């Protein structure tokens, strides 16, 4: 796997140089991909280089959009709160990855809004789809290399044979669902065979992962696109898409042991025996309530300590298990004040997208993003920012300019024909 990881790492930094030279502000679409590459590999280069590359892009976007905080003032307040609370952390080195990640997230949300207003929807869709496709391509290559090499250091859910996922574990899979949704929207409009192949393979690989939240959101993505196609104008597209998907599904079922492996992994996870109330993450709310208001172990307004929940709640009742749900994690880190600011930041973002939604497609995208955000908030974790940033890149699509507005702004002599994608 070392050669595979080295190749991905070299590609990542080489691609980052390309983005800066040729994509400029549009490089923001590829931040989730760069972060995901780092999640996939066992890196050879120091973390300082990785943090430096992402932070450089963020600072460059800020330089090009110096009034971006007007797009979401709650992001600025959250950043100030996290910076203040970071001064009282007992060991910053242990929380450094998560701290950098949330800083990137809080800065990215208003930056995405500011950048989208400068580009046409056509440009935004093209870059977003390309980024999502690259994410799926890396996901597939990682699964292929890990399966061939028998590389599975995390032993997720006890999976030791068949399709393996390498370093990917738990919430690392979250980004796949929005990536599938984005590529799916493009496939049904443009019928790109390469994108369709990546979509099908990614979907099947994800179904074998038994990450229930990701599986459910991938299925929801299919349902949303079917609803979008359910009219006379797109009836033929729906038939063709359904027929091709069915044929490919039958080919996979007949020529591989997909169904056998699926049943084996289902039985291995023993999902039928698990009750919703038995999920430990739902006990976290009661534990934190008692910590703050019954035992008064830490301040309910500002929490215990930033991004340091492992073993530091419930008087260690769950040993070194960290908090999973985003709500409990944020409350433990930044208290009720931090949670309110986070929810206000997200709510204002969703409201802005809703206000600018002008058609059925925008509405369905909004609903999908809302469903995904709620699911991932319940299951955690907001520090997996490659997924969250991609979700907001999708959510903010309605903020992009119409083509004629961009042409007028740039004073182009030859007006382009306005392109209104049929689904996007």
Protein backbone atom coordinates (compact mmCIF):
# COMPACT_ATOMS: atom_id res chain seq x y z
CA UNK A 1 0.00 0.00 0.00
CA UNK A 2 2.97 2.31 0.47
CA UNK A 3 3.30 2.96 -3.26
CA UNK A 4 -0.42 3.68 -3.54
CA UNK A 5 -0.31 6.12 -0.62
CA UNK A 6 2.78 7.82 -2.03
CA UNK A 7 1.13 8.20 -5.44
CA UNK A 8 -2.00 9.73 -3.90
CA UNK A 9 0.06 12.09 -1.77
CA UNK A 10 2.16 13.27 -4.72
CA UNK A 11 -0.99 13.72 -6.78
CA UNK A 12 -2.62 15.73 -3.97
CA UNK A 13 0.16 18.29 -3.65
CA UNK A 14 0.73 18.46 -7.40
CA UNK A 15 -2.99 19.02 -7.91
CA UNK A 16 -2.95 21.74 -5.23
CA UNK A 17 -0.30 23.62 -7.24
CA UNK A 18 -2.44 23.23 -10.38
CA UNK A 19 -5.48 24.57 -8.53
CA UNK A 20 -3.65 27.67 -7.36
CA UNK A 21 -2.20 28.42 -10.78
CA UNK A 22 -5.28 27.75 -12.91
CA UNK A 23 -8.41 27.60 -10.77
CA UNK A 24 -7.81 30.50 -8.38
CA UNK A 25 -10.93 30.94 -6.20
CA UNK A 26 -12.58 27.90 -7.79
CA UNK A 27 -10.05 25.80 -5.87
CA UNK A 28 -12.52 25.96 -2.97
CA UNK A 29 -14.50 23.18 -4.66
CA UNK A 30 -11.56 20.83 -4.29
CA UNK A 31 -10.79 21.35 -0.60
CA UNK A 32 -13.01 18.37 0.37
CA UNK A 33 -11.11 16.19 -2.09
CA UNK A 34 -7.69 17.25 -0.76
CA UNK A 35 -8.79 16.64 2.83
CA UNK A 36 -10.29 13.27 1.86
CA UNK A 37 -6.99 12.24 0.24
CA UNK A 38 -5.25 12.89 3.55
CA UNK A 39 -7.84 10.72 5.32
CA UNK A 40 -7.32 7.85 2.87
CA UNK A 41 -3.52 7.65 3.04
CA UNK A 42 -0.85 6.98 5.60
CA UNK A 43 1.14 10.17 4.85
CA UNK A 44 4.88 10.37 4.23
CA UNK A 45 5.08 14.16 4.58
CA UNK A 46 4.73 16.01 7.89
CA UNK A 47 1.35 17.27 9.02
CA UNK A 48 2.70 20.82 8.90
CA UNK A 49 2.80 20.69 5.10
CA UNK A 50 -0.81 19.49 4.91
CA UNK A 51 -2.06 22.14 7.35
CA UNK A 52 -0.05 24.73 5.46
CA UNK A 53 -1.58 23.88 2.07
CA UNK A 54 -5.20 24.00 3.25
CA UNK A 55 -4.60 27.10 5.37
CA UNK A 56 -2.84 28.82 2.45
CA UNK A 57 -5.89 28.27 0.25
CA UNK A 58 -8.22 29.56 2.97
CA UNK A 59 -6.08 32.69 3.42
CA UNK A 60 -5.98 33.19 -0.34
CA UNK A 61 -9.77 33.00 -0.53
CA UNK A 62 -9.99 35.52 2.32
CA UNK A 63 -7.58 37.84 0.48
CA UNK A 64 -9.85 37.72 -2.58
CA UNK A 65 -13.03 38.16 -0.49
CA UNK A 66 -12.08 40.37 2.44
CA UNK A 67 -15.68 41.17 3.40
CA UNK A 68 -16.78 37.53 3.37
CA UNK A 69 -17.84 37.49 7.05
CA UNK A 70 -20.86 39.57 6.09
CA UNK A 71 -22.20 36.37 4.56
CA UNK A 72 -22.40 34.70 7.98
CA UNK A 73 -21.44 36.70 11.07
CA UNK A 74 -22.00 33.70 13.34
CA UNK A 75 -18.97 32.03 11.77
CA UNK A 76 -16.78 34.90 12.96
CA UNK A 77 -18.18 34.74 16.49
CA UNK A 78 -17.64 30.97 16.59
CA UNK A 79 -14.03 31.35 15.47
CA UNK A 80 -13.39 33.91 18.21
CA UNK A 81 -15.01 31.61 20.78
CA UNK A 82 -12.90 28.63 19.72
CA UNK A 83 -9.71 30.70 19.75
CA UNK A 84 -10.43 31.90 23.30
CA UNK A 85 -11.30 28.40 24.53
CA UNK A 86 -8.18 26.97 22.88
CA UNK A 87 -6.07 28.96 25.33
CA UNK A 88 -7.32 26.86 28.23
CA UNK A 89 -6.85 23.44 26.63
CA UNK A 90 -4.60 21.07 28.57
CA UNK A 91 -2.87 19.58 25.52
CA UNK A 92 -3.30 21.44 22.24
CA UNK A 93 -1.30 18.87 20.26
CA UNK A 94 -3.93 16.19 20.84
CA UNK A 95 -6.76 18.38 19.55
CA UNK A 96 -4.76 20.05 16.74
CA UNK A 97 -6.28 18.05 13.81
CA UNK A 98 -9.83 18.69 14.98
CA UNK A 99 -9.11 22.33 15.82
CA UNK A 100 -7.70 23.08 12.37
CA UNK A 101 -10.61 21.20 10.79
CA UNK A 102 -13.33 23.22 12.52
CA UNK A 103 -11.50 26.48 11.80
CA UNK A 104 -11.47 25.57 8.10
CA UNK A 105 -15.17 24.74 8.29
CA UNK A 106 -16.19 27.98 10.00
CA UNK A 107 -14.17 30.00 7.50
CA UNK A 108 -15.35 28.02 4.46
CA UNK A 109 -19.08 28.51 5.02
CA UNK A 110 -19.12 32.31 4.47
CA UNK A 111 -16.34 32.04 1.87
CA UNK A 112 -18.41 29.65 -0.26
CA UNK A 113 -21.30 32.10 -0.20
CA UNK A 114 -19.08 35.02 -1.20
CA UNK A 115 -17.35 33.12 -4.02
CA UNK A 116 -20.55 31.64 -5.47
CA UNK A 117 -21.96 35.12 -6.07
CA UNK A 118 -19.12 35.84 -8.50
CA UNK A 119 -19.52 32.82 -10.80
CA UNK A 120 -22.19 31.39 -13.05
CA UNK A 121 -24.19 28.35 -12.08
CA UNK A 122 -22.71 26.51 -15.05
CA UNK A 123 -19.16 27.04 -13.74
CA UNK A 124 -20.12 26.15 -10.19
CA UNK A 125 -21.86 22.93 -11.23
CA UNK A 126 -18.97 21.87 -13.43
CA UNK A 127 -16.35 22.30 -10.71
CA UNK A 128 -18.55 20.76 -8.02
CA UNK A 129 -19.25 17.69 -10.15
CA UNK A 130 -15.59 17.25 -11.04
CA UNK A 131 -14.61 17.43 -7.38
CA UNK A 132 -17.28 14.89 -6.40
CA UNK A 133 -16.17 12.55 -9.19
CA UNK A 134 -12.54 12.74 -8.05
CA UNK A 135 -13.64 11.88 -4.52
CA UNK A 136 -15.47 8.79 -5.78
CA UNK A 137 -12.52 7.82 -7.98
CA UNK A 138 -10.11 7.98 -5.03
CA UNK A 139 -12.62 6.05 -2.91
CA UNK A 140 -12.81 3.29 -5.53
CA UNK A 141 -9.04 3.11 -6.03
CA UNK A 142 -8.50 2.94 -2.28
CA UNK A 143 -11.00 0.10 -1.93
CA UNK A 144 -9.44 -1.73 -4.88
CA UNK A 145 -5.88 -1.40 -3.58
CA UNK A 146 -6.89 -2.30 -0.01
CA UNK A 147 -8.81 -5.36 -1.18
CA UNK A 148 -5.97 -6.63 -3.36
CA UNK A 149 -3.38 -6.05 -0.63
CA UNK A 150 -5.62 -7.27 2.20
CA UNK A 151 -5.06 -3.95 3.99
CA UNK A 152 -7.59 -3.20 6.73
CA UNK A 153 -5.85 -1.86 9.87
CA UNK A 154 -9.03 -0.65 11.55
CA UNK A 155 -11.06 -3.86 11.17
CA UNK A 156 -14.30 -1.90 10.89
CA UNK A 157 -17.22 -4.03 12.12
CA UNK A 158 -14.91 -7.04 12.07
CA UNK A 159 -14.60 -7.00 8.25
CA UNK A 160 -11.45 -8.93 7.35
CA UNK A 161 -12.16 -10.27 3.86
CA UNK A 162 -13.87 -9.30 0.63
CA UNK A 163 -14.04 -5.59 -0.17
CA UNK A 164 -11.81 -3.69 2.27
CA UNK A 165 -11.53 0.03 2.91
CA UNK A 166 -7.97 0.59 4.08
CA UNK A 167 -7.62 3.49 6.51
CA UNK A 168 -11.23 4.63 6.10
CA UNK A 169 -13.25 4.15 9.26
CA UNK A 170 -16.65 5.22 10.57
CA UNK A 171 -17.34 8.89 9.73
CA UNK A 172 -14.63 8.88 7.04
CA UNK A 173 -17.36 7.43 4.78
CA UNK A 174 -19.72 10.38 5.29
CA UNK A 175 -18.43 12.33 2.30
CA UNK A 176 -19.46 9.55 -0.11
CA UNK A 177 -23.20 10.24 0.16
CA UNK A 178 -23.15 13.92 -0.98
CA UNK A 179 -20.54 13.01 -3.62
CA UNK A 180 -22.87 10.31 -4.96
CA UNK A 181 -25.77 12.76 -5.02
CA UNK A 182 -23.76 15.39 -6.92
CA UNK A 183 -22.47 12.95 -9.54
CA UNK A 184 -25.91 11.38 -9.86
CA UNK A 185 -27.47 14.74 -10.74
CA UNK A 186 -24.85 15.21 -13.44
CA UNK A 187 -25.19 11.68 -14.83
CA UNK A 188 -28.92 11.89 -15.46
CA UNK A 189 -28.43 15.18 -17.31
CA UNK A 190 -25.30 14.53 -19.35
CA UNK A 191 -25.09 10.71 -19.52
CA UNK A 192 -21.36 10.55 -18.89
CA UNK A 193 -20.36 6.87 -18.95
CA UNK A 194 -17.23 7.39 -16.82
CA UNK A 195 -19.19 9.22 -14.15
CA UNK A 196 -21.96 6.61 -14.26
CA UNK A 197 -19.45 3.77 -13.80
CA UNK A 198 -17.84 5.53 -10.83
CA UNK A 199 -21.29 6.15 -9.38
CA UNK A 200 -22.39 2.51 -9.61
CA UNK A 201 -19.13 1.09 -8.25
CA UNK A 202 -19.08 3.59 -5.36
CA UNK A 203 -22.68 2.81 -4.53
CA UNK A 204 -22.05 -0.95 -4.42
CA UNK A 205 -18.88 -0.57 -2.35
CA UNK A 206 -20.75 1.63 0.12
CA UNK A 207 -23.57 -0.89 0.44
CA UNK A 208 -20.99 -3.44 1.61
CA UNK A 209 -19.54 -1.05 4.21
CA UNK A 210 -22.70 -1.19 6.35
CA UNK A 211 -22.30 2.40 7.41
CA UNK A 212 -26.04 2.75 7.86
CA UNK A 213 -26.21 6.54 7.72
CA UNK A 214 -24.18 6.69 4.50
CA UNK A 215 -26.11 3.81 2.93
CA UNK A 216 -29.41 5.49 3.75
CA UNK A 217 -28.34 8.85 2.33
CA UNK A 218 -27.08 7.18 -0.88
CA UNK A 219 -30.50 5.55 -1.27
CA UNK A 220 -32.15 8.89 -0.53
CA UNK A 221 -30.05 10.46 -3.29
CA UNK A 222 -31.48 7.91 -5.74
CA UNK A 223 -35.01 8.62 -4.53
CA UNK A 224 -34.58 12.39 -4.91
CA UNK A 225 -33.35 12.06 -8.49
CA UNK A 226 -36.23 9.73 -9.34
CA UNK A 227 -38.67 12.34 -8.02
CA UNK A 228 -36.97 15.00 -10.13
CA UNK A 229 -37.38 12.86 -13.23
CA UNK A 230 -41.03 12.01 -12.59
CA UNK A 231 -42.64 14.18 -15.26
CA UNK A 232 -43.49 13.81 -18.93
CA UNK A 233 -40.50 15.81 -20.09
CA UNK A 234 -38.00 13.53 -18.34
CA UNK A 235 -39.92 10.25 -18.55
CA UNK A 236 -37.54 8.81 -21.16
CA UNK A 237 -34.51 9.72 -19.03
CA UNK A 238 -36.08 7.95 -16.08
CA UNK A 239 -36.73 4.82 -18.14
CA UNK A 240 -33.21 4.78 -19.57
CA UNK A 241 -31.58 5.46 -16.22
CA UNK A 242 -33.68 2.78 -14.51
CA UNK A 243 -33.06 0.22 -17.24
CA UNK A 244 -29.28 0.75 -17.32
CA UNK A 245 -29.09 0.63 -13.52
CA UNK A 246 -31.15 -2.57 -13.44
CA UNK A 247 -28.97 -4.25 -16.06
CA UNK A 248 -25.78 -3.30 -14.25
CA UNK A 249 -27.26 -4.49 -10.98
CA UNK A 250 -28.16 -7.86 -12.47
CA UNK A 251 -24.69 -8.19 -14.00
CA UNK A 252 -23.11 -7.59 -10.62
CA UNK A 253 -25.49 -9.96 -8.82
CA UNK A 254 -24.99 -12.79 -11.33
CA UNK A 255 -21.24 -12.47 -11.91
CA UNK A 256 -20.00 -11.64 -8.41
CA UNK A 257 -20.62 -12.77 -4.85
CA UNK A 258 -21.99 -9.34 -3.92
CA UNK A 259 -25.24 -10.67 -2.43
CA UNK A 260 -23.44 -13.40 -0.49
CA UNK A 261 -21.02 -10.88 1.04
CA UNK A 262 -23.87 -8.46 1.72
CA UNK A 263 -25.84 -11.09 3.66
CA UNK A 264 -22.74 -12.20 5.57
CA UNK A 265 -21.92 -8.66 6.65
CA UNK A 266 -25.52 -7.99 7.60
CA UNK A 267 -25.52 -11.01 9.88
CA UNK A 268 -22.10 -10.04 11.23
CA UNK A 269 -23.35 -6.61 12.32
CA UNK A 270 -26.46 -8.15 13.96
CA UNK A 271 -28.49 -5.08 13.10
CA UNK A 272 -31.78 -6.84 13.74
CA UNK A 273 -30.84 -7.29 17.40
CA UNK A 274 -29.98 -3.66 18.01
CA UNK A 275 -32.59 -1.32 19.46
CA UNK A 276 -32.45 2.41 18.81
CA UNK A 277 -32.44 3.13 22.52
CA UNK A 278 -29.42 0.88 23.01
CA UNK A 279 -27.24 3.12 20.86
CA UNK A 280 -24.73 4.69 23.23
CA UNK A 281 -24.81 8.00 21.40
CA UNK A 282 -28.39 8.52 22.57
CA UNK A 283 -27.31 8.06 26.19
CA UNK A 284 -24.86 10.92 25.81
CA UNK A 285 -27.59 13.55 26.18
CA UNK A 286 -28.67 12.24 29.58
CA UNK A 287 -25.06 11.88 30.74
CA UNK A 288 -24.16 15.46 29.78
CA UNK A 289 -27.32 16.83 31.39
CA UNK A 290 -26.37 15.20 34.68
CA UNK A 291 -22.75 16.35 34.35
CA UNK A 292 -23.73 19.99 33.90
CA UNK A 293 -26.91 20.43 35.93
CA UNK A 294 -26.93 17.65 38.53
CA UNK A 295 -23.28 17.06 39.44
CA UNK A 296 -22.12 20.46 38.12
CA UNK A 297 -18.83 18.96 36.93
CA UNK A 298 -18.29 21.70 34.37
CA UNK A 299 -19.75 24.98 33.15
CA UNK A 300 -22.93 24.48 31.06
CA UNK A 301 -22.33 27.81 29.29
CA UNK A 302 -18.77 27.15 28.06
CA UNK A 303 -18.37 23.39 28.44
CA UNK A 304 -15.53 21.30 29.81
CA UNK A 305 -12.63 21.71 27.39
CA UNK A 306 -12.32 22.24 23.67
CA UNK A 307 -12.53 19.03 21.58
CA UNK A 308 -11.46 16.83 24.50
CA UNK A 309 -14.36 14.60 25.44
CA UNK A 310 -12.67 11.16 25.58
CA UNK A 311 -12.95 9.94 29.17
CA UNK A 312 -13.97 13.40 30.38
CA UNK A 313 -17.72 13.03 30.80
CA UNK A 314 -20.06 10.87 32.85
CA UNK A 315 -17.29 10.40 35.42
CA UNK A 316 -15.54 8.09 32.96
CA UNK A 317 -18.47 5.67 32.73
CA UNK A 318 -17.67 4.91 29.07
CA UNK A 319 -13.90 4.79 29.57
CA UNK A 320 -11.99 6.56 26.77
CA UNK A 321 -14.90 6.64 24.32
CA UNK A 322 -15.31 10.15 22.91
CA UNK A 323 -18.69 11.75 22.42
CA UNK A 324 -20.20 10.84 19.05
CA UNK A 325 -23.20 13.09 18.48
CA UNK A 326 -22.39 16.59 17.22
CA UNK A 327 -24.78 18.22 19.68
CA UNK A 328 -23.22 16.58 22.75
CA UNK A 329 -19.71 17.07 21.37
CA UNK A 330 -20.23 20.80 20.80
CA UNK A 331 -21.89 21.30 24.19
CA UNK A 332 -19.04 19.49 25.96
CA UNK A 333 -16.46 21.56 24.04
CA UNK A 334 -18.03 25.01 23.99
CA UNK A 335 -21.13 24.78 26.15
CA UNK A 336 -24.64 25.90 25.36
CA UNK A 337 -23.32 29.18 23.96
CA UNK A 338 -21.20 27.34 21.41
CA UNK A 339 -24.10 25.12 20.41
CA UNK A 340 -26.44 28.08 19.89
CA UNK A 341 -23.85 29.89 17.75
CA UNK A 342 -23.23 26.75 15.68
CA UNK A 343 -26.95 26.21 15.09
CA UNK A 344 -27.39 29.89 14.16
CA UNK A 345 -24.52 29.65 11.68
CA UNK A 346 -26.07 26.58 10.06
CA UNK A 347 -29.64 27.90 10.18
CA UNK A 348 -28.66 31.18 8.50
CA UNK A 349 -26.85 29.21 5.78
CA UNK A 350 -29.86 27.03 5.09
CA UNK A 351 -32.18 30.04 5.13
CA UNK A 352 -30.01 31.82 2.58
CA UNK A 353 -30.10 28.76 0.29
CA UNK A 354 -33.87 28.45 0.73
CA UNK A 355 -34.43 32.12 -0.06
CA UNK A 356 -32.48 31.82 -3.32
CA UNK A 357 -34.05 28.55 -4.45
CA UNK A 358 -35.97 29.31 -7.63
CA UNK A 359 -37.05 25.93 -8.98
CA UNK A 360 -37.95 22.35 -8.11
CA UNK A 361 -34.36 21.14 -8.38
CA UNK A 362 -33.11 23.74 -5.89
CA UNK A 363 -35.85 22.74 -3.47
CA UNK A 364 -34.96 19.04 -3.67
CA UNK A 365 -31.26 19.82 -3.23
CA UNK A 366 -32.15 21.90 -0.17
CA UNK A 367 -34.21 19.06 1.30
CA UNK A 368 -31.47 16.51 0.63
CA UNK A 369 -28.84 18.70 2.29
CA UNK A 370 -31.15 19.25 5.27
CA UNK A 371 -31.73 15.51 5.64
CA UNK A 372 -28.00 14.75 5.34
CA UNK A 373 -27.09 17.44 7.85
CA UNK A 374 -29.62 16.15 10.40
CA UNK A 375 -28.47 12.54 10.00
CA UNK A 376 -24.80 13.43 10.31
CA UNK A 377 -25.50 15.71 13.27
CA UNK A 378 -27.10 12.79 15.09
CA UNK A 379 -24.46 10.26 14.16
CA UNK A 380 -21.49 12.72 14.26
CA UNK A 381 -18.97 14.12 13.63
CA UNK A 382 -18.75 17.73 12.52
CA UNK A 383 -14.95 17.54 12.67
CA UNK A 384 -15.05 15.37 9.51
CA UNK A 385 -15.11 18.63 7.61
CA UNK A 386 -14.42 17.18 4.16
CA UNK A 387 -18.05 16.01 4.18
CA UNK A 388 -19.53 19.13 5.77
CA UNK A 389 -17.76 21.50 3.38
CA UNK A 390 -18.92 19.44 0.38
CA UNK A 391 -22.47 19.53 1.76
CA UNK A 392 -22.41 23.33 1.96
CA UNK A 393 -20.90 23.57 -1.52
CA UNK A 394 -23.97 21.67 -2.71
CA UNK A 395 -26.42 23.60 -0.53
CA UNK A 396 -25.27 26.99 -1.82
CA UNK A 397 -25.83 26.19 -5.51
CA UNK A 398 -28.79 28.62 -5.75
CA UNK A 399 -26.45 31.49 -4.83
CA UNK A 400 -24.51 31.19 -8.09
CA UNK A 401 -25.14 33.85 -10.71
CA UNK A 402 -27.13 33.33 -13.85
CA UNK A 403 -24.90 33.34 -16.92
CA UNK A 404 -25.99 36.69 -18.32
CA UNK A 405 -25.20 38.40 -15.01
CA UNK A 406 -21.64 37.09 -15.13
CA UNK A 407 -21.27 38.19 -18.75
CA UNK A 408 -22.47 41.70 -17.96
CA UNK A 409 -20.10 41.98 -15.01
CA UNK A 410 -17.11 40.84 -17.05
CA UNK A 411 -18.11 43.08 -20.03
CA UNK A 412 -17.77 40.27 -22.49
CA UNK A 413 -18.30 41.26 -26.08
CA UNK A 414 -19.90 37.99 -27.18
CA UNK A 415 -22.89 37.01 -25.10
CA UNK A 416 -23.14 33.31 -24.35
CA UNK A 417 -26.37 31.40 -24.57
CA UNK A 418 -27.81 30.99 -21.09
CA UNK A 419 -27.42 27.41 -19.98
CA UNK A 420 -30.08 26.16 -17.64
CA UNK A 421 -29.33 22.56 -16.69
CA UNK A 422 -32.37 20.33 -16.89
CA UNK A 423 -31.91 18.84 -13.45
CA UNK A 424 -29.22 20.76 -11.65
